[in-house]
Amino acid sequence: MGLPDVMAQAVMDALRRANEQLAERSQQIIAEAVGTESAAARAIADRVDRQLRPDPEPGWGEPDSYDDHGWRR
């Protein structure tokens, strides 16, 4: 694995961690603002969670998923 691959993987890992933290904090804010009991509050929380934690594509972020120029294949 060359330097571009290492850098790309580090950036992708940092983005994943940041999204995870944002998702957690968003859930806390939603719970504090509108509660957790209503269907509307649960729907909002679920939608935010899906937006911030989407299912990754197969191979997303894997070292071999980048070409020689560091672009994702």
PDB file of N, CA and C in Angstrom:
ATOM      1  N   MET A   1       0.858  -1.167   0.000  1.00  0.00           N
ATOM      2  CA  MET A   1       0.000   0.000   0.000  1.00  0.00           C
ATOM      3  C   MET A   1       0.906   1.231   0.000  1.00  0.00           C
ATOM      4  N   GLY A   2       0.728   2.097  -0.989  1.00  0.00           N
ATOM      5  CA  GLY A   2       1.541   3.295  -1.105  1.00  0.00           C
ATOM      6  C   GLY A   2       0.964   4.435  -0.286  1.00  0.00           C
ATOM      7  N   LEU A   3       1.695   5.536  -0.267  1.00  0.00           N
ATOM      8  CA  LEU A   3       1.284   6.702   0.500  1.00  0.00           C
ATOM      9  C   LEU A   3      -0.102   7.219   0.103  1.00  0.00           C
ATOM     10  N   PRO A   4      -0.428   7.312  -1.189  1.00  0.00           N
ATOM     11  CA  PRO A   4      -1.791   7.772  -1.521  1.00  0.00           C
ATOM     12  C   PRO A   4      -2.878   6.869  -0.932  1.00  0.00           C
ATOM     13  N   ASP A   5      -2.640   5.564  -0.930  1.00  0.00           N
ATOM     14  CA  ASP A   5      -3.619   4.636  -0.355  1.00  0.00           C
ATOM     15  C   ASP A   5      -3.751   4.843   1.145  1.00  0.00           C
ATOM     16  N   VAL A   6      -2.628   5.038   1.812  1.00  0.00           N
ATOM     17  CA  VAL A   6      -2.631   5.257   3.258  1.00  0.00           C
ATOM     18  C   VAL A   6      -3.369   6.553   3.589  1.00  0.00           C
ATOM     19  N   MET A   7      -3.084   7.603   2.824  1.00  0.00           N
ATOM     20  CA  MET A   7      -3.746   8.888   3.048  1.00  0.00           C
ATOM     21  C   MET A   7      -5.250   8.781   2.783  1.00  0.00           C
ATOM     22  N   ALA A   8      -5.613   8.132   1.694  1.00  0.00           N
ATOM     23  CA  ALA A   8      -7.026   7.973   1.365  1.00  0.00           C
ATOM     24  C   ALA A   8      -7.745   7.199   2.462  1.00  0.00           C
ATOM     25  N   GLN A   9      -7.132   6.145   2.945  1.00  0.00           N
ATOM     26  CA  GLN A   9      -7.748   5.344   4.008  1.00  0.00           C
ATOM     27  C   GLN A   9      -7.879   6.162   5.292  1.00  0.00           C
ATOM     28  N   ALA A  10      -6.864   6.965   5.614  1.00  0.00           N
ATOM     29  CA  ALA A  10      -6.916   7.805   6.812  1.00  0.00           C
ATOM     30  C   ALA A  10      -8.043   8.833   6.708  1.00  0.00           C
ATOM     31  N   VAL A  11      -8.196   9.436   5.544  1.00  0.00           N
ATOM     32  CA  VAL A  11      -9.266  10.418   5.340  1.00  0.00           C
ATOM     33  C   VAL A  11     -10.629   9.745   5.462  1.00  0.00           C
ATOM     34  N   MET A  12     -10.785   8.600   4.830  1.00  0.00           N
ATOM     35  CA  MET A  12     -12.067   7.893   4.883  1.00  0.00           C
ATOM     36  C   MET A  12     -12.395   7.462   6.320  1.00  0.00           C
ATOM     37  N   ASP A  13     -11.402   6.999   7.047  1.00  0.00           N
ATOM     38  CA  ASP A  13     -11.614   6.615   8.451  1.00  0.00           C
ATOM     39  C   ASP A  13     -12.032   7.821   9.286  1.00  0.00           C
ATOM     40  N   ALA A  14     -11.384   8.964   9.057  1.00  0.00           N
ATOM     41  CA  ALA A  14     -11.726  10.182   9.790  1.00  0.00           C
ATOM     42  C   ALA A  14     -13.150  10.629   9.465  1.00  0.00           C
ATOM     43  N   LEU A  15     -13.537  10.551   8.198  1.00  0.00           N
ATOM     44  CA  LEU A  15     -14.899  10.917   7.811  1.00  0.00           C
ATOM     45  C   LEU A  15     -15.930   9.997   8.454  1.00  0.00           C
ATOM     46  N   ARG A  16     -15.636   8.707   8.485  1.00  0.00           N
ATOM     47  CA  ARG A  16     -16.564   7.756   9.118  1.00  0.00           C
ATOM     48  C   ARG A  16     -16.726   8.068  10.598  1.00  0.00           C
ATOM     49  N   ARG A  17     -15.605   8.329  11.278  1.00  0.00           N
ATOM     50  CA  ARG A  17     -15.671   8.648  12.712  1.00  0.00           C
ATOM     51  C   ARG A  17     -16.439   9.950  12.949  1.00  0.00           C
ATOM     52  N   ALA A  18     -16.190  10.955  12.114  1.00  0.00           N
ATOM     53  CA  ALA A  18     -16.886  12.234  12.260  1.00  0.00           C
ATOM     54  C   ALA A  18     -18.390  12.064  12.044  1.00  0.00           C
ATOM     55  N   ASN A  19     -18.782  11.302  11.032  1.00  0.00           N
ATOM     56  CA  ASN A  19     -20.210  11.055  10.792  1.00  0.00           C
ATOM     57  C   ASN A  19     -20.840  10.295  11.946  1.00  0.00           C
ATOM     58  N   GLU A  20     -20.108   9.362  12.498  1.00  0.00           N
ATOM     59  CA  GLU A  20     -20.615   8.591  13.640  1.00  0.00           C
ATOM     60  C   GLU A  20     -20.850   9.511  14.837  1.00  0.00           C
ATOM     61  N   GLN A  21     -19.901  10.398  15.109  1.00  0.00           N
ATOM     62  CA  GLN A  21     -20.050  11.341  16.219  1.00  0.00           C
ATOM     63  C   GLN A  21     -21.207  12.306  15.958  1.00  0.00           C
ATOM     64  N   LEU A  22     -21.327  12.768  14.717  1.00  0.00           N
ATOM     65  CA  LEU A  22     -22.418  13.668  14.356  1.00  0.00           C
ATOM     66  C   LEU A  22     -23.766  12.974  14.504  1.00  0.00           C
ATOM     67  N   ALA A  23     -23.835  11.718  14.102  1.00  0.00           N
ATOM     68  CA  ALA A  23     -25.079  10.959  14.237  1.00  0.00           C
ATOM     69  C   ALA A  23     -25.461  10.816  15.705  1.00  0.00           C
ATOM     70  N   GLU A  24     -24.502  10.496  16.552  1.00  0.00           N
ATOM     71  CA  GLU A  24     -24.769  10.339  17.989  1.00  0.00           C
ATOM     72  C   GLU A  24     -25.251  11.653  18.602  1.00  0.00           C
ATOM     73  N   ARG A  25     -24.555  12.734  18.291  1.00  0.00           N
ATOM     74  CA  ARG A  25     -24.930  14.043  18.844  1.00  0.00           C
ATOM     75  C   ARG A  25     -26.291  14.484  18.315  1.00  0.00           C
ATOM     76  N   SER A  26     -26.567  14.215  17.055  1.00  0.00           N
ATOM     77  CA  SER A  26     -27.861  14.574  16.483  1.00  0.00           C
ATOM     78  C   SER A  26     -28.984  13.850  17.216  1.00  0.00           C
ATOM     79  N   GLN A  27     -28.775  12.582  17.530  1.00  0.00           N
ATOM     80  CA  GLN A  27     -29.787  11.819  18.259  1.00  0.00           C
ATOM     81  C   GLN A  27     -30.035  12.436  19.640  1.00  0.00           C
ATOM     82  N   GLN A  28     -28.965  12.873  20.295  1.00  0.00           N
ATOM     83  CA  GLN A  28     -29.114  13.514  21.608  1.00  0.00           C
ATOM     84  C   GLN A  28     -29.913  14.812  21.498  1.00  0.00           C
ATOM     85  N   ILE A  29     -29.585  15.618  20.505  1.00  0.00           N
ATOM     86  CA  ILE A  29     -30.276  16.901  20.321  1.00  0.00           C
ATOM     87  C   ILE A  29     -31.748  16.678  20.006  1.00  0.00           C
ATOM     88  N   ILE A  30     -32.036  15.729  19.142  1.00  0.00           N
ATOM     89  CA  ILE A  30     -33.431  15.434  18.801  1.00  0.00           C
ATOM     90  C   ILE A  30     -34.191  14.986  20.042  1.00  0.00           C
ATOM     91  N   ALA A  31     -33.588  14.108  20.832  1.00  0.00           N
ATOM     92  CA  ALA A  31     -34.245  13.618  22.048  1.00  0.00           C
ATOM     93  C   ALA A  31     -34.504  14.760  23.025  1.00  0.00           C
ATOM     94  N   GLU A  32     -33.540  15.669  23.163  1.00  0.00           N
ATOM     95  CA  GLU A  32     -33.715  16.808  24.074  1.00  0.00           C
ATOM     96  C   GLU A  32     -34.764  17.789  23.555  1.00  0.00           C
ATOM     97  N   ALA A  33     -34.808  17.985  22.247  1.00  0.00           N
ATOM     98  CA  ALA A  33     -35.697  18.997  21.665  1.00  0.00           C
ATOM     99  C   ALA A  33     -37.139  18.523  21.552  1.00  0.00           C
ATOM    100  N   VAL A  34     -37.356  17.303  21.090  1.00  0.00           N
ATOM    101  CA  VAL A  34     -38.721  16.842  20.842  1.00  0.00           C
ATOM    102  C   VAL A  34     -39.077  15.567  21.598  1.00  0.00           C
ATOM    103  N   GLY A  35     -38.141  15.023  22.354  1.00  0.00           N
ATOM    104  CA  GLY A  35     -38.416  13.806  23.105  1.00  0.00           C
ATOM    105  C   GLY A  35     -38.235  12.559  22.258  1.00  0.00           C
ATOM    106  N   THR A  36     -38.600  11.448  22.848  1.00  0.00           N
ATOM    107  CA  THR A  36     -38.436  10.172  22.156  1.00  0.00           C
ATOM    108  C   THR A  36     -39.734   9.360  22.114  1.00  0.00           C
ATOM    109  N   GLU A  37     -40.796   9.927  22.651  1.00  0.00           N
ATOM    110  CA  GLU A  37     -42.040   9.171  22.787  1.00  0.00           C
ATOM    111  C   GLU A  37     -42.929   9.201  21.553  1.00  0.00           C
ATOM    112  N   SER A  38     -42.917  10.307  20.828  1.00  0.00           N
ATOM    113  CA  SER A  38     -43.868  10.433  19.721  1.00  0.00           C
ATOM    114  C   SER A  38     -43.361   9.746  18.458  1.00  0.00           C
ATOM    115  N   ALA A  39     -44.302   9.364  17.609  1.00  0.00           N
ATOM    116  CA  ALA A  39     -43.952   8.756  16.322  1.00  0.00           C
ATOM    117  C   ALA A  39     -43.190   9.755  15.458  1.00  0.00           C
ATOM    118  N   ALA A  40     -43.563  11.030  15.542  1.00  0.00           N
ATOM    119  CA  ALA A  40     -42.871  12.064  14.757  1.00  0.00           C
ATOM    120  C   ALA A  40     -41.412  12.182  15.191  1.00  0.00           C
ATOM    121  N   ALA A  41     -41.174  12.174  16.479  1.00  0.00           N
ATOM    122  CA  ALA A  41     -39.795  12.268  16.986  1.00  0.00           C
ATOM    123  C   ALA A  41     -38.978  11.069  16.532  1.00  0.00           C
ATOM    124  N   ARG A  42     -39.561   9.885  16.589  1.00  0.00           N
ATOM    125  CA  ARG A  42     -38.848   8.682  16.146  1.00  0.00           C
ATOM    126  C   ARG A  42     -38.572   8.734  14.653  1.00  0.00           C
ATOM    127  N   ALA A  43     -39.528   9.250  13.880  1.00  0.00           N
ATOM    128  CA  ALA A  43     -39.339   9.353  12.428  1.00  0.00           C
ATOM    129  C   ALA A  43     -38.209  10.325  12.106  1.00  0.00           C
ATOM    130  N   ILE A  44     -38.168  11.451  12.803  1.00  0.00           N
ATOM    131  CA  ILE A  44     -37.092  12.421  12.588  1.00  0.00           C
ATOM    132  C   ILE A  44     -35.750  11.792  12.939  1.00  0.00           C
ATOM    133  N   ALA A  45     -35.668  11.153  14.089  1.00  0.00           N
ATOM    134  CA  ALA A  45     -34.422  10.529  14.528  1.00  0.00           C
ATOM    135  C   ALA A  45     -33.974   9.446  13.549  1.00  0.00           C
ATOM    136  N   ASP A  46     -34.920   8.639  13.058  1.00  0.00           N
ATOM    137  CA  ASP A  46     -34.573   7.582  12.100  1.00  0.00           C
ATOM    138  C   ASP A  46     -34.051   8.164  10.792  1.00  0.00           C
ATOM    139  N   ARG A  47     -34.707   9.227  10.332  1.00  0.00           N
ATOM    140  CA  ARG A  47     -34.277   9.832   9.058  1.00  0.00           C
ATOM    141  C   ARG A  47     -32.884  10.437   9.182  1.00  0.00           C
ATOM    142  N   VAL A  48     -32.632  11.153  10.269  1.00  0.00           N
ATOM    143  CA  VAL A  48     -31.304  11.736  10.488  1.00  0.00           C
ATOM    144  C   VAL A  48     -30.265  10.628  10.574  1.00  0.00           C
ATOM    145  N   ASP A  49     -30.597   9.564  11.274  1.00  0.00           N
ATOM    146  CA  ASP A  49     -29.659   8.446  11.417  1.00  0.00           C
ATOM    147  C   ASP A  49     -29.332   7.828  10.065  1.00  0.00           C
ATOM    148  N   ARG A  50     -30.345   7.631   9.214  1.00  0.00           N
ATOM    149  CA  ARG A  50     -30.096   7.062   7.881  1.00  0.00           C
ATOM    150  C   ARG A  50     -29.247   7.990   7.023  1.00  0.00           C
ATOM    151  N   GLN A  51     -29.451   9.295   7.162  1.00  0.00           N
ATOM    152  CA  GLN A  51     -28.685  10.252   6.374  1.00  0.00           C
ATOM    153  C   GLN A  51     -27.219  10.279   6.796  1.00  0.00           C
ATOM    154  N   LEU A  52     -26.965  10.148   8.082  1.00  0.00           N
ATOM    155  CA  LEU A  52     -25.595  10.242   8.585  1.00  0.00           C
ATOM    156  C   LEU A  52     -24.878   8.904   8.638  1.00  0.00           C
ATOM    157  N   ARG A  53     -25.618   7.812   8.669  1.00  0.00           N
ATOM    158  CA  ARG A  53     -25.013   6.479   8.704  1.00  0.00           C
ATOM    159  C   ARG A  53     -25.583   5.609   7.595  1.00  0.00           C
ATOM    160  N   PRO A  54     -25.386   6.013   6.345  1.00  0.00           N
ATOM    161  CA  PRO A  54     -25.910   5.177   5.258  1.00  0.00           C
ATOM    162  C   PRO A  54     -25.145   3.863   5.177  1.00  0.00           C
ATOM    163  N   ASP A  55     -25.795   2.868   4.610  1.00  0.00           N
ATOM    164  CA  ASP A  55     -25.099   1.600   4.395  1.00  0.00           C
ATOM    165  C   ASP A  55     -24.006   1.839   3.365  1.00  0.00           C
ATOM    166  N   PRO A  56     -22.760   1.526   3.707  1.00  0.00           N
ATOM    167  CA  PRO A  56     -21.682   1.751   2.739  1.00  0.00           C
ATOM    168  C   PRO A  56     -21.804   0.804   1.551  1.00  0.00           C
ATOM    169  N   GLU A  57     -21.329   1.271   0.412  1.00  0.00           N
ATOM    170  CA  GLU A  57     -21.296   0.417  -0.765  1.00  0.00           C
ATOM    171  C   GLU A  57     -20.271  -0.682  -0.538  1.00  0.00           C
ATOM    172  N   PRO A  58     -20.462  -1.856  -1.141  1.00  0.00           N
ATOM    173  CA  PRO A  58     -19.457  -2.910  -0.997  1.00  0.00           C
ATOM    174  C   PRO A  58     -18.086  -2.405  -1.455  1.00  0.00           C
ATOM    175  N   GLY A  59     -17.082  -2.622  -0.634  1.00  0.00           N
ATOM    176  CA  GLY A  59     -15.725  -2.219  -0.967  1.00  0.00           C
ATOM    177  C   GLY A  59     -15.423  -0.762  -0.683  1.00  0.00           C
ATOM    178  N   TRP A  60     -16.422   0.003  -0.201  1.00  0.00           N
ATOM    179  CA  TRP A  60     -16.233   1.422   0.063  1.00  0.00           C
ATOM    180  C   TRP A  60     -15.156   1.627   1.110  1.00  0.00           C
ATOM    181  N   GLY A  61     -14.145   2.421   0.774  1.00  0.00           N
ATOM    182  CA  GLY A  61     -13.084   2.732   1.722  1.00  0.00           C
ATOM    183  C   GLY A  61     -11.997   1.688   1.826  1.00  0.00           C
ATOM    184  N   GLU A  62     -12.135   0.602   1.095  1.00  0.00           N
ATOM    185  CA  GLU A  62     -11.105  -0.431   1.124  1.00  0.00           C
ATOM    186  C   GLU A  62      -9.864   0.073   0.394  1.00  0.00           C
ATOM    187  N   PRO A  63      -8.675  -0.324   0.859  1.00  0.00           N
ATOM    188  CA  PRO A  63      -7.449   0.153   0.214  1.00  0.00           C
ATOM    189  C   PRO A  63      -7.391  -0.118  -1.279  1.00  0.00           C
ATOM    190  N   ASP A  64      -7.899  -1.243  -1.737  1.00  0.00           N
ATOM    191  CA  ASP A  64      -7.824  -1.591  -3.152  1.00  0.00           C
ATOM    192  C   ASP A  64      -8.932  -0.955  -3.982  1.00  0.00           C
ATOM    193  N   SER A  65      -9.757  -0.102  -3.361  1.00  0.00           N
ATOM    194  CA  SER A  65     -10.851   0.504  -4.110  1.00  0.00           C
ATOM    195  C   SER A  65     -10.454   1.839  -4.736  1.00  0.00           C
ATOM    196  N   TYR A  66      -9.161   2.154  -4.736  1.00  0.00           N
ATOM    197  CA  TYR A  66      -8.658   3.395  -5.315  1.00  0.00           C
ATOM    198  C   TYR A  66      -7.734   3.093  -6.480  1.00  0.00           C
ATOM    199  N   ASP A  67      -7.764   3.950  -7.500  1.00  0.00           N
ATOM    200  CA  ASP A  67      -6.873   3.753  -8.633  1.00  0.00           C
ATOM    201  C   ASP A  67      -5.496   4.356  -8.338  1.00  0.00           C
ATOM    202  N   ASP A  68      -4.631   4.374  -9.321  1.00  0.00           N
ATOM    203  CA  ASP A  68      -3.260   4.861  -9.126  1.00  0.00           C
ATOM    204  C   ASP A  68      -3.199   6.342  -8.794  1.00  0.00           C
ATOM    205  N   HIS A  69      -4.267   7.069  -9.029  1.00  0.00           N
ATOM    206  CA  HIS A  69      -4.295   8.502  -8.762  1.00  0.00           C
ATOM    207  C   HIS A  69      -5.023   8.851  -7.471  1.00  0.00           C
ATOM    208  N   GLY A  70      -5.459   7.834  -6.740  1.00  0.00           N
ATOM    209  CA  GLY A  70      -6.154   8.048  -5.482  1.00  0.00           C
ATOM    210  C   GLY A  70      -7.656   8.251  -5.615  1.00  0.00           C
ATOM    211  N   TRP A  71      -8.185   8.068  -6.834  1.00  0.00           N
ATOM    212  CA  TRP A  71      -9.625   8.196  -7.035  1.00  0.00           C
ATOM    213  C   TRP A  71     -10.308   6.884  -6.727  1.00  0.00           C
ATOM    214  N   ARG A  72     -11.492   6.974  -6.134  1.00  0.00           N
ATOM    215  CA  ARG A  72     -12.264   5.783  -5.811  1.00  0.00           C
ATOM    216  C   ARG A  72     -12.765   5.139  -7.097  1.00  0.00           C
ATOM    217  N   ARG A  73     -12.628   3.813  -7.193  1.00  0.00           N
ATOM    218  CA  ARG A  73     -13.097   3.069  -8.372  1.00  0.00           C
ATOM    219  C   ARG A  73     -14.564   2.806  -8.308  1.00  0.00           C
TER     220      ARG A  73
END
